[in-house]
Protein backbone atom coordinates (compact mmCIF):
# COMPACT_ATOMS: atom_id res chain seq x y z
CA MET A 1 2.86 -6.26 -19.71
CA ASP A 2 3.02 -3.06 -21.69
CA ILE A 3 0.21 -1.01 -23.26
CA THR A 4 0.68 1.13 -26.32
CA VAL A 5 -0.24 4.92 -26.30
CA ALA A 6 -2.66 4.10 -29.17
CA GLU A 7 -4.67 1.64 -26.90
CA LEU A 8 -4.47 4.06 -23.96
CA LYS A 9 -5.75 6.80 -26.12
CA GLU A 10 -8.51 4.80 -27.32
CA ARG A 11 -9.64 3.62 -23.88
CA LEU A 12 -9.40 7.08 -22.55
CA GLU A 13 -11.58 8.48 -25.33
CA LYS A 14 -14.23 5.54 -24.68
CA GLY A 15 -14.30 6.91 -21.10
CA GLU A 16 -13.28 3.56 -19.66
CA ASP A 17 -12.86 3.58 -15.85
CA LEU A 18 -9.22 2.84 -15.61
CA HIS A 19 -6.87 2.51 -12.59
CA PHE A 20 -4.36 4.90 -14.13
CA TYR A 21 -1.37 6.36 -12.45
CA ASP A 22 1.32 8.85 -13.20
CA VAL A 23 4.74 8.36 -11.54
CA ARG A 24 6.39 11.64 -12.65
CA GLU A 25 7.19 14.49 -10.35
CA GLU A 26 4.42 16.94 -9.26
CA HIS A 27 5.95 19.85 -11.32
CA GLU A 28 5.72 17.59 -14.30
CA TYR A 29 2.23 16.57 -13.67
CA GLU A 30 1.23 20.17 -13.27
CA GLU A 31 2.66 21.16 -16.64
CA ASP A 32 0.85 18.33 -18.48
CA ASN A 33 -1.24 15.42 -17.47
CA LEU A 34 -3.61 12.77 -18.90
CA GLY A 35 -5.93 12.61 -15.93
CA ALA A 36 -4.06 9.94 -14.10
CA ILE A 37 -3.66 9.90 -10.41
CA LEU A 38 -0.37 11.24 -9.35
CA ILE A 39 1.95 9.11 -7.20
CA PRO A 40 5.64 10.09 -7.91
CA LEU A 41 7.87 7.03 -8.26
CA ALA A 42 9.75 7.62 -5.09
CA GLU A 43 6.54 7.77 -3.13
CA LEU A 44 5.09 4.60 -4.55
CA PRO A 45 6.15 2.26 -1.69
CA ASP A 46 4.26 4.61 0.76
CA HIS A 47 0.97 4.11 -1.29
CA LEU A 48 0.94 0.30 -1.40
CA ASP A 49 -1.76 0.23 1.23
CA GLU A 50 -4.19 2.15 -1.00
CA LEU A 51 -3.40 0.12 -3.97
CA GLU A 52 -3.75 -3.21 -2.17
CA ASP A 53 -7.29 -3.78 -3.51
CA LEU A 54 -6.05 -3.64 -7.09
CA LYS A 55 -3.48 -6.33 -6.75
CA ASP A 56 -5.30 -8.54 -9.37
CA SER A 57 -6.75 -5.54 -11.28
CA GLU A 58 -5.36 -3.76 -14.31
CA ILE A 59 -3.24 -0.88 -13.33
CA ILE A 60 -1.85 1.41 -16.07
CA ILE A 61 1.09 3.41 -15.19
CA HIS A 62 2.82 6.12 -17.23
CA CYS A 63 5.66 8.62 -16.87
CA ARG A 64 7.43 10.90 -19.36
CA SER A 65 9.18 8.25 -21.44
CA GLY A 66 8.24 4.97 -19.95
CA ALA A 67 11.49 4.41 -17.90
CA ARG A 68 10.06 5.36 -14.51
CA SER A 69 6.88 3.62 -15.13
CA GLY A 70 8.71 0.51 -16.08
CA LYS A 71 10.38 0.68 -12.77
CA ALA A 72 7.02 1.22 -10.98
CA VAL A 73 5.64 -1.88 -12.77
CA SER A 74 8.58 -4.02 -11.82
CA PHE A 75 8.22 -2.73 -8.26
CA LEU A 76 4.43 -3.49 -8.05
CA GLU A 77 5.08 -6.97 -9.53
CA SER A 78 7.54 -7.64 -6.90
CA ARG A 79 4.89 -6.83 -4.38
CA GLY A 80 2.32 -9.35 -5.78
CA PHE A 81 0.49 -7.16 -8.30
CA THR A 82 -0.47 -9.29 -11.27
CA ASN A 83 -1.58 -6.95 -13.89
CA ALA A 84 0.40 -3.73 -13.87
CA ARG A 85 1.03 -2.20 -17.19
CA ASN A 86 3.57 0.25 -18.44
CA VAL A 87 2.58 2.84 -21.08
CA VAL A 88 5.42 2.41 -23.82
CA GLY A 89 6.93 5.74 -24.47
CA GLY A 90 5.07 7.56 -21.82
CA ILE A 91 3.52 11.03 -22.24
CA LEU A 92 5.96 12.04 -24.86
CA ALA A 93 4.59 9.21 -27.18
CA PHE A 94 1.09 10.08 -26.24
CA ARG A 95 1.33 13.64 -27.16
CA GLU A 96 3.15 12.76 -30.48
CA LEU A 97 0.30 10.40 -31.33
CA GLU A 98 -2.18 13.18 -30.78
CA GLU A 99 -0.20 15.42 -33.17
CA GLN A 100 -0.48 13.06 -36.03
């Protein structure tokens, strides 16, 4: 299931305690991040143990445009995660929304 950047922005501004992950590469994260925990997509399989307790919790995943996070959501779903959500449009759409 997807989440819009508008919904994400609203929830971040409210200070909600989110399980929020960024699957971009470290250099991208260092340039610009939204406060998510960095787990590059290629390293996601190595982090399943630490995510195990979140199998039935909402997990929000973003990347630059939504493509890598979509792959991450599919991967997590294939491992039994029931509420992984992809941020549609990624950080590009989020920053565009902020500029409006």
